[in-house]
């Protein structure tokens, strides 16, 4: 018999954070998150996401040991934007045991229903701006930065509970050995000569003002995309801290047309190649490992690639990718993941294919009416 408990104490929270080590023991492709980062995002009092959201955490216990976990949350900014009553689940971890899974899903569904929501969707950990979806294809390689990973049976557990497909998300991979098509190179060079267009790296010394531009472009570029949740100033401040720690300016580009912000591209080194060696901890030895293995990162993730609607037909995506890839080649990067893309966003999917990318991972977001 599975027992569900809602987390109320610090020791329970630590059990919640530690639980993935039981699920993924022996899985060579799993990348443990830094425990301090998980504590940060689950800090309901201080993390900026919870300024416009509510949530709770549950643990599942069976045969005297904790075996599963799940979160439940309501993002008020999302619901206000889309005029929905959506609740979500996330941070789902579970053995291949339908009874445990059903108990966890029941707990999340009951909580969001009690908050007057009419649909349960997920996994979101905790929103679409973070890890989103169950991995359904591409289990043979580790996940890249901020992308989810899970055992293959997770989707089966969700579907058996009654959660059905809402949308698939695609991840493309582009290898350095695959050159950009010559027509794209020619277009990029032509756009570089256009005096009305300017592209520059982010100014890390003036990051506070740069983030004003990034927030404007980010929210304007994605506001009509399915599942989009706008980011607040404080959430952008947190993103700025991540950029300050990990970004290379030549991989974070801003595009302007007649001096007005038109588009941006944020590509980050795949820090998961370092995190997988730290086992969730960043003590003195972890810091030394971080500094050593950071120099050996071979890949990156194109995390943000967006343009204001009025500038989307100017060819700016080609120009920004051209400039980004040129910089990455100069630094010895061997591949770049382009993710995530909505499965029905033909414009960006066709573009990534035309660049020489190929779909190599797929994720599924599921939902259920309550």
Protein backbone atom coordinates (compact mmCIF):
# COMPACT_ATOMS: atom_id res chain seq x y z
CA UNK A 1 0.00 0.00 0.00
CA UNK A 2 1.40 3.37 -1.05
CA UNK A 3 1.31 6.22 1.46
CA UNK A 4 1.49 9.83 0.27
CA UNK A 5 2.75 12.64 2.49
CA UNK A 6 2.88 16.36 1.74
CA UNK A 7 6.25 17.86 2.56
CA UNK A 8 6.24 20.09 5.62
CA UNK A 9 9.76 19.82 7.11
CA UNK A 10 13.39 20.37 5.96
CA UNK A 11 14.27 16.66 6.37
CA UNK A 12 11.34 15.72 4.12
CA UNK A 13 12.59 18.25 1.54
CA UNK A 14 16.05 16.67 1.62
CA UNK A 15 14.47 13.25 1.03
CA UNK A 16 12.60 14.74 -1.94
CA UNK A 17 15.82 16.16 -3.38
CA UNK A 18 17.81 12.95 -2.80
CA UNK A 19 15.23 10.57 -4.26
CA UNK A 20 16.48 10.57 -7.90
CA UNK A 21 19.69 8.86 -6.79
CA UNK A 22 17.57 5.78 -6.00
CA UNK A 23 15.76 5.83 -9.34
CA UNK A 24 18.81 6.34 -11.55
CA UNK A 25 21.39 4.22 -9.77
CA UNK A 26 23.51 2.63 -12.49
CA UNK A 27 22.08 4.77 -15.34
CA UNK A 28 25.14 6.13 -17.12
CA UNK A 29 23.13 8.75 -19.05
CA UNK A 30 21.52 10.40 -16.05
CA UNK A 31 22.97 13.79 -15.07
CA UNK A 32 22.47 14.65 -11.39
CA UNK A 33 21.39 18.23 -10.82
CA UNK A 34 23.27 20.25 -8.25
CA UNK A 35 21.29 19.80 -5.05
CA UNK A 36 21.70 23.47 -4.17
CA UNK A 37 20.05 24.43 -7.46
CA UNK A 38 17.08 22.16 -6.74
CA UNK A 39 16.75 23.67 -3.25
CA UNK A 40 16.81 27.12 -4.83
CA UNK A 41 13.99 26.45 -7.28
CA UNK A 42 11.90 24.76 -4.56
CA UNK A 43 12.34 27.69 -2.16
CA UNK A 44 8.76 28.97 -2.13
CA UNK A 45 9.73 32.05 -0.13
CA UNK A 46 12.64 33.32 -2.21
CA UNK A 47 12.63 31.92 -5.76
CA UNK A 48 10.99 34.50 -8.09
CA UNK A 49 8.76 31.95 -9.85
CA UNK A 50 6.74 31.57 -6.66
CA UNK A 51 5.93 35.29 -6.61
CA UNK A 52 3.26 34.48 -9.20
CA UNK A 53 2.75 30.76 -8.54
CA UNK A 54 1.69 28.39 -5.78
CA UNK A 55 2.87 24.87 -5.19
CA UNK A 56 3.54 21.93 -2.94
CA UNK A 57 5.55 18.70 -2.88
CA UNK A 58 4.61 15.08 -2.19
CA UNK A 59 6.54 11.95 -1.30
CA UNK A 60 5.38 8.36 -1.85
CA UNK A 61 6.26 5.69 0.70
CA UNK A 62 5.88 1.95 0.18
CA UNK A 63 7.10 -1.01 2.23
CA UNK A 64 8.75 1.33 4.71
CA UNK A 65 10.85 3.37 2.26
CA UNK A 66 10.38 6.48 0.15
CA UNK A 67 10.08 5.47 -3.48
CA UNK A 68 8.57 8.38 -5.42
CA UNK A 69 7.97 12.10 -5.55
CA UNK A 70 5.92 14.74 -7.39
CA UNK A 71 5.21 18.45 -7.26
CA UNK A 72 1.95 20.27 -7.92
CA UNK A 73 1.77 23.94 -8.88
CA UNK A 74 -0.41 26.68 -10.32
CA UNK A 75 1.19 29.48 -12.35
CA UNK A 76 -1.11 32.48 -12.07
CA UNK A 77 0.76 34.45 -14.75
CA UNK A 78 0.24 31.63 -17.24
CA UNK A 79 -3.46 31.32 -16.45
CA UNK A 80 -4.00 35.07 -16.70
CA UNK A 81 -2.25 35.22 -20.09
CA UNK A 82 -4.15 32.27 -21.60
CA UNK A 83 -7.40 32.59 -19.64
CA UNK A 84 -7.11 28.99 -18.48
CA UNK A 85 -7.44 27.09 -15.23
CA UNK A 86 -4.33 24.99 -15.57
CA UNK A 87 -2.53 23.18 -12.80
CA UNK A 88 0.64 21.24 -13.42
CA UNK A 89 2.79 18.49 -11.95
CA UNK A 90 6.56 18.20 -12.05
CA UNK A 91 9.70 16.75 -10.45
CA UNK A 92 8.10 13.34 -11.03
CA UNK A 93 10.25 10.36 -10.06
CA UNK A 94 8.85 6.87 -9.57
CA UNK A 95 9.74 3.18 -9.81
CA UNK A 96 8.06 1.08 -12.48
CA UNK A 97 5.06 0.60 -10.21
CA UNK A 98 1.63 1.74 -11.40
CA UNK A 99 0.20 1.81 -7.88
CA UNK A 100 2.86 4.28 -6.74
CA UNK A 101 2.48 6.38 -9.89
CA UNK A 102 -1.31 6.54 -9.53
CA UNK A 103 -0.97 7.66 -5.91
CA UNK A 104 1.45 10.42 -6.90
CA UNK A 105 -0.69 11.63 -9.80
CA UNK A 106 -3.77 11.51 -7.57
CA UNK A 107 -2.02 13.70 -5.01
CA UNK A 108 -1.03 16.31 -7.61
CA UNK A 109 -4.44 16.23 -9.31
CA UNK A 110 -6.24 16.58 -5.99
CA UNK A 111 -4.13 19.54 -4.96
CA UNK A 112 -4.63 21.51 -8.19
CA UNK A 113 -8.35 20.62 -8.20
CA UNK A 114 -8.61 22.03 -4.68
CA UNK A 115 -7.13 25.24 -6.10
CA UNK A 116 -10.02 25.45 -8.60
CA UNK A 117 -8.05 24.23 -11.61
CA UNK A 118 -9.75 22.17 -14.31
CA UNK A 119 -6.77 20.64 -16.16
CA UNK A 120 -3.61 18.84 -14.97
CA UNK A 121 -0.62 19.10 -17.33
CA UNK A 122 3.02 18.17 -17.09
CA UNK A 123 5.65 17.38 -16.33
CA UNK A 124 6.76 20.96 -15.69
CA UNK A 125 9.55 21.39 -13.19
CA UNK A 126 8.13 23.83 -12.36
CA UNK A 127 7.16 25.64 -15.61
CA UNK A 128 7.65 25.58 -19.37
CA UNK A 129 10.65 27.87 -18.83
CA UNK A 130 12.38 25.00 -17.01
CA UNK A 131 12.51 21.25 -17.64
CA UNK A 132 9.38 20.29 -19.56
CA UNK A 133 8.00 16.97 -20.80
CA UNK A 134 8.78 13.26 -20.57
CA UNK A 135 11.64 12.03 -22.72
CA UNK A 136 10.13 9.55 -25.20
CA UNK A 137 12.92 9.12 -27.79
CA UNK A 138 16.68 9.50 -27.49
CA UNK A 139 17.52 7.54 -24.35
CA UNK A 140 20.95 6.62 -25.70
CA UNK A 141 22.54 9.99 -24.90
CA UNK A 142 22.65 12.16 -21.78
CA UNK A 143 20.42 15.24 -21.63
CA UNK A 144 21.91 18.66 -22.27
CA UNK A 145 21.65 21.70 -20.05
CA UNK A 146 18.11 22.27 -18.65
CA UNK A 147 16.56 19.39 -20.60
CA UNK A 148 14.74 16.50 -18.88
CA UNK A 149 15.72 12.86 -18.67
CA UNK A 150 13.73 9.91 -17.35
CA UNK A 151 13.40 6.14 -17.67
CA UNK A 152 11.41 4.94 -20.71
CA UNK A 153 8.55 3.63 -18.55
CA UNK A 154 7.51 7.06 -17.21
CA UNK A 155 5.26 7.83 -20.18
CA UNK A 156 3.57 4.42 -19.79
CA UNK A 157 2.82 5.17 -16.14
CA UNK A 158 1.33 8.53 -17.08
CA UNK A 159 -0.78 7.15 -19.93
CA UNK A 160 -2.07 4.30 -17.79
CA UNK A 161 -3.23 6.89 -15.29
CA UNK A 162 -5.23 8.65 -18.02
CA UNK A 163 -2.89 11.45 -19.00
CA UNK A 164 -2.94 11.95 -22.76
CA UNK A 165 -0.68 13.69 -25.22
CA UNK A 166 -0.98 17.46 -25.26
CA UNK A 167 2.08 18.26 -27.36
CA UNK A 168 5.43 16.82 -28.39
CA UNK A 169 8.65 18.83 -28.18
CA UNK A 170 11.59 18.20 -30.51
CA UNK A 171 15.33 18.50 -29.99
CA UNK A 172 17.58 18.79 -33.03
CA UNK A 173 21.32 18.24 -33.14
CA UNK A 174 23.63 20.09 -35.50
CA UNK A 175 27.19 18.83 -35.85
CA UNK A 176 30.11 21.12 -36.63
CA UNK A 177 31.15 18.72 -39.38
CA UNK A 178 27.93 19.58 -41.24
CA UNK A 179 28.44 22.96 -42.91
CA UNK A 180 25.66 25.49 -43.29
CA UNK A 181 24.13 25.41 -46.78
CA UNK A 182 25.87 27.87 -49.08
CA UNK A 183 22.64 29.77 -49.72
CA UNK A 184 22.43 30.53 -45.99
CA UNK A 185 26.06 31.63 -45.90
CA UNK A 186 25.42 33.96 -48.84
CA UNK A 187 22.30 35.39 -47.19
CA UNK A 188 24.10 35.92 -43.89
CA UNK A 189 26.95 37.77 -45.59
CA UNK A 190 24.44 39.94 -47.43
CA UNK A 191 22.60 40.77 -44.20
CA UNK A 192 25.88 41.69 -42.51
CA UNK A 193 26.33 44.40 -45.14
CA UNK A 194 22.84 45.85 -44.57
CA UNK A 195 23.31 49.17 -42.71
CA UNK A 196 19.86 48.87 -41.13
CA UNK A 197 20.80 45.61 -39.38
CA UNK A 198 23.18 45.34 -36.46
CA UNK A 199 24.18 42.24 -34.51
CA UNK A 200 26.32 42.35 -31.40
CA UNK A 201 27.28 40.11 -28.47
CA UNK A 202 25.72 40.77 -25.10
CA UNK A 203 27.60 43.27 -22.96
CA UNK A 204 28.39 41.35 -19.80
CA UNK A 205 29.59 44.56 -18.09
CA UNK A 206 26.15 46.15 -18.50
CA UNK A 207 24.04 43.06 -17.91
CA UNK A 208 21.22 44.79 -16.03
CA UNK A 209 20.38 46.99 -19.00
CA UNK A 210 20.94 44.14 -21.45
CA UNK A 211 18.38 42.05 -19.57
CA UNK A 212 15.74 44.74 -20.17
CA UNK A 213 16.23 44.17 -23.92
CA UNK A 214 16.32 40.39 -23.51
CA UNK A 215 13.08 40.33 -21.52
CA UNK A 216 11.35 42.51 -24.12
CA UNK A 217 12.47 40.23 -26.94
CA UNK A 218 11.81 37.00 -25.06
CA UNK A 219 8.26 37.78 -24.04
CA UNK A 220 7.38 39.37 -27.41
CA UNK A 221 8.83 36.45 -29.40
CA UNK A 222 7.06 33.63 -27.55
CA UNK A 223 3.84 35.15 -26.26
CA UNK A 224 1.74 33.35 -28.91
CA UNK A 225 3.49 29.99 -28.54
CA UNK A 226 1.52 27.16 -27.00
CA UNK A 227 2.44 26.67 -23.35
CA UNK A 228 4.35 29.93 -23.04
CA UNK A 229 4.67 31.44 -19.57
CA UNK A 230 6.02 35.01 -19.40
CA UNK A 231 9.04 35.76 -17.28
CA UNK A 232 9.06 38.57 -14.74
CA UNK A 233 11.86 41.05 -14.06
CA UNK A 234 13.01 39.02 -11.06
CA UNK A 235 13.06 35.81 -13.08
CA UNK A 236 15.12 37.61 -15.69
CA UNK A 237 17.51 38.70 -12.94
CA UNK A 238 17.99 35.02 -12.09
CA UNK A 239 18.64 34.26 -15.77
CA UNK A 240 21.21 37.06 -15.76
CA UNK A 241 23.05 35.31 -12.94
CA UNK A 242 23.16 32.12 -15.00
CA UNK A 243 24.48 34.03 -18.00
CA UNK A 244 27.11 35.70 -15.86
CA UNK A 245 28.33 32.29 -14.65
CA UNK A 246 28.22 30.25 -17.84
CA UNK A 247 27.72 32.33 -20.99
CA UNK A 248 30.29 33.20 -23.60
CA UNK A 249 29.35 36.62 -25.06
CA UNK A 250 29.96 35.43 -28.62
CA UNK A 251 27.15 32.89 -28.14
CA UNK A 252 24.61 35.39 -26.76
CA UNK A 253 23.66 37.73 -29.59
CA UNK A 254 21.23 40.62 -29.98
CA UNK A 255 19.90 41.79 -33.34
CA UNK A 256 18.64 45.30 -34.06
CA UNK A 257 16.80 46.77 -37.04
CA UNK A 258 17.01 50.54 -37.43
CA UNK A 259 18.31 50.59 -33.87
CA UNK A 260 15.29 48.77 -32.43
CA UNK A 261 15.57 45.36 -30.72
CA UNK A 262 14.52 42.73 -33.26
CA UNK A 263 15.77 39.32 -32.11
CA UNK A 264 18.07 37.35 -29.88
CA UNK A 265 19.91 34.05 -29.75
CA UNK A 266 21.17 32.55 -26.49
CA UNK A 267 23.41 29.51 -26.79
CA UNK A 268 25.08 28.11 -23.68
CA UNK A 269 27.85 25.58 -23.20
CA UNK A 270 26.43 22.21 -22.19
CA UNK A 271 27.28 22.37 -18.51
CA UNK A 272 25.74 18.92 -18.06
CA UNK A 273 29.03 17.53 -19.33
CA UNK A 274 30.53 18.92 -16.12
CA UNK A 275 27.58 18.30 -13.78
CA UNK A 276 27.52 14.56 -14.51
CA UNK A 277 30.93 14.35 -12.80
CA UNK A 278 29.93 16.21 -9.63
CA UNK A 279 27.20 13.88 -8.27
CA UNK A 280 25.03 16.79 -7.18
CA UNK A 281 27.62 18.45 -4.94
CA UNK A 282 29.88 21.46 -5.35
CA UNK A 283 32.38 21.34 -2.50
CA UNK A 284 36.07 22.15 -2.89
CA UNK A 285 36.71 18.99 -4.93
CA UNK A 286 33.62 19.73 -6.99
CA UNK A 287 34.84 23.23 -7.77
CA UNK A 288 38.19 21.87 -8.91
CA UNK A 289 36.42 19.31 -11.12
CA UNK A 290 34.15 22.05 -12.46
CA UNK A 291 37.08 24.26 -13.45
CA UNK A 292 38.90 21.34 -15.07
CA UNK A 293 36.08 19.74 -17.03
CA UNK A 294 34.56 23.05 -18.08
CA UNK A 295 37.47 23.43 -20.50
CA UNK A 296 36.58 20.09 -22.10
CA UNK A 297 32.94 20.84 -22.97
CA UNK A 298 32.37 19.73 -26.55
CA UNK A 299 28.76 20.77 -27.13
CA UNK A 300 26.22 23.49 -26.50
CA UNK A 301 22.51 24.10 -26.38
CA UNK A 302 20.77 26.79 -28.45
CA UNK A 303 18.41 27.70 -25.64
CA UNK A 304 16.66 30.84 -26.88
CA UNK A 305 16.12 31.81 -30.50
CA UNK A 306 13.39 34.38 -30.99
CA UNK A 307 12.38 37.39 -33.05
CA UNK A 308 9.66 39.99 -32.92
CA UNK A 309 6.91 39.23 -35.40
CA UNK A 310 7.53 42.28 -37.56
CA UNK A 311 11.15 41.25 -38.20
CA UNK A 312 10.77 37.51 -38.82
CA UNK A 313 10.94 37.69 -42.60
CA UNK A 314 14.19 39.63 -42.82
CA UNK A 315 16.45 36.59 -42.59
CA UNK A 316 17.71 37.45 -39.11
CA UNK A 317 17.54 33.82 -37.88
CA UNK A 318 20.05 32.86 -40.57
CA UNK A 319 22.35 35.71 -39.61
CA UNK A 320 22.29 34.98 -35.87
CA UNK A 321 22.87 31.27 -36.33
CA UNK A 322 25.67 31.99 -38.80
CA UNK A 323 27.42 34.30 -36.32
CA UNK A 324 26.88 31.90 -33.42
CA UNK A 325 28.20 28.89 -35.30
CA UNK A 326 31.21 30.82 -36.55
CA UNK A 327 32.13 31.69 -32.96
CA UNK A 328 31.53 28.12 -31.77
CA UNK A 329 33.75 26.68 -34.49
CA UNK A 330 36.52 29.06 -33.41
CA UNK A 331 36.25 27.66 -29.88
CA UNK A 332 36.28 24.03 -30.95
CA UNK A 333 32.67 23.05 -30.22
CA UNK A 334 31.69 19.84 -32.01
CA UNK A 335 27.90 19.99 -31.84
CA UNK A 336 24.93 22.06 -30.77
CA UNK A 337 21.47 20.98 -29.64
CA UNK A 338 18.63 23.17 -30.89
CA UNK A 339 15.83 22.78 -28.38
CA UNK A 340 13.11 22.66 -27.62
CA UNK A 341 10.75 23.13 -30.60
CA UNK A 342 7.01 22.57 -30.65
CA UNK A 343 6.31 19.66 -32.99
CA UNK A 344 3.85 21.74 -35.05
CA UNK A 345 6.06 24.82 -35.40
CA UNK A 346 6.87 24.12 -39.02
CA UNK A 347 8.73 27.39 -39.53
CA UNK A 348 11.45 26.70 -36.95
CA UNK A 349 11.52 22.93 -37.53
CA UNK A 350 12.02 23.36 -41.28
CA UNK A 351 14.69 25.96 -40.56
CA UNK A 352 16.61 23.64 -38.24
CA UNK A 353 16.43 20.85 -40.80
CA UNK A 354 17.62 23.18 -43.55
CA UNK A 355 20.59 24.20 -41.39
CA UNK A 356 21.70 20.58 -41.35
CA UNK A 357 20.15 19.61 -38.03
CA UNK A 358 18.37 16.35 -37.35
CA UNK A 359 15.76 15.35 -34.77
CA UNK A 360 17.45 13.14 -32.18
CA UNK A 361 15.27 13.50 -29.09
CA UNK A 362 11.54 13.86 -28.49
CA UNK A 363 9.63 14.86 -25.37
CA UNK A 364 5.92 14.63 -24.57
CA UNK A 365 3.76 16.93 -22.48
CA UNK A 366 0.63 15.18 -21.21
CA UNK A 367 -2.58 16.40 -19.64
CA UNK A 368 -5.89 15.31 -18.18
CA UNK A 369 -9.14 17.19 -17.52
CA UNK A 370 -10.13 17.22 -13.86
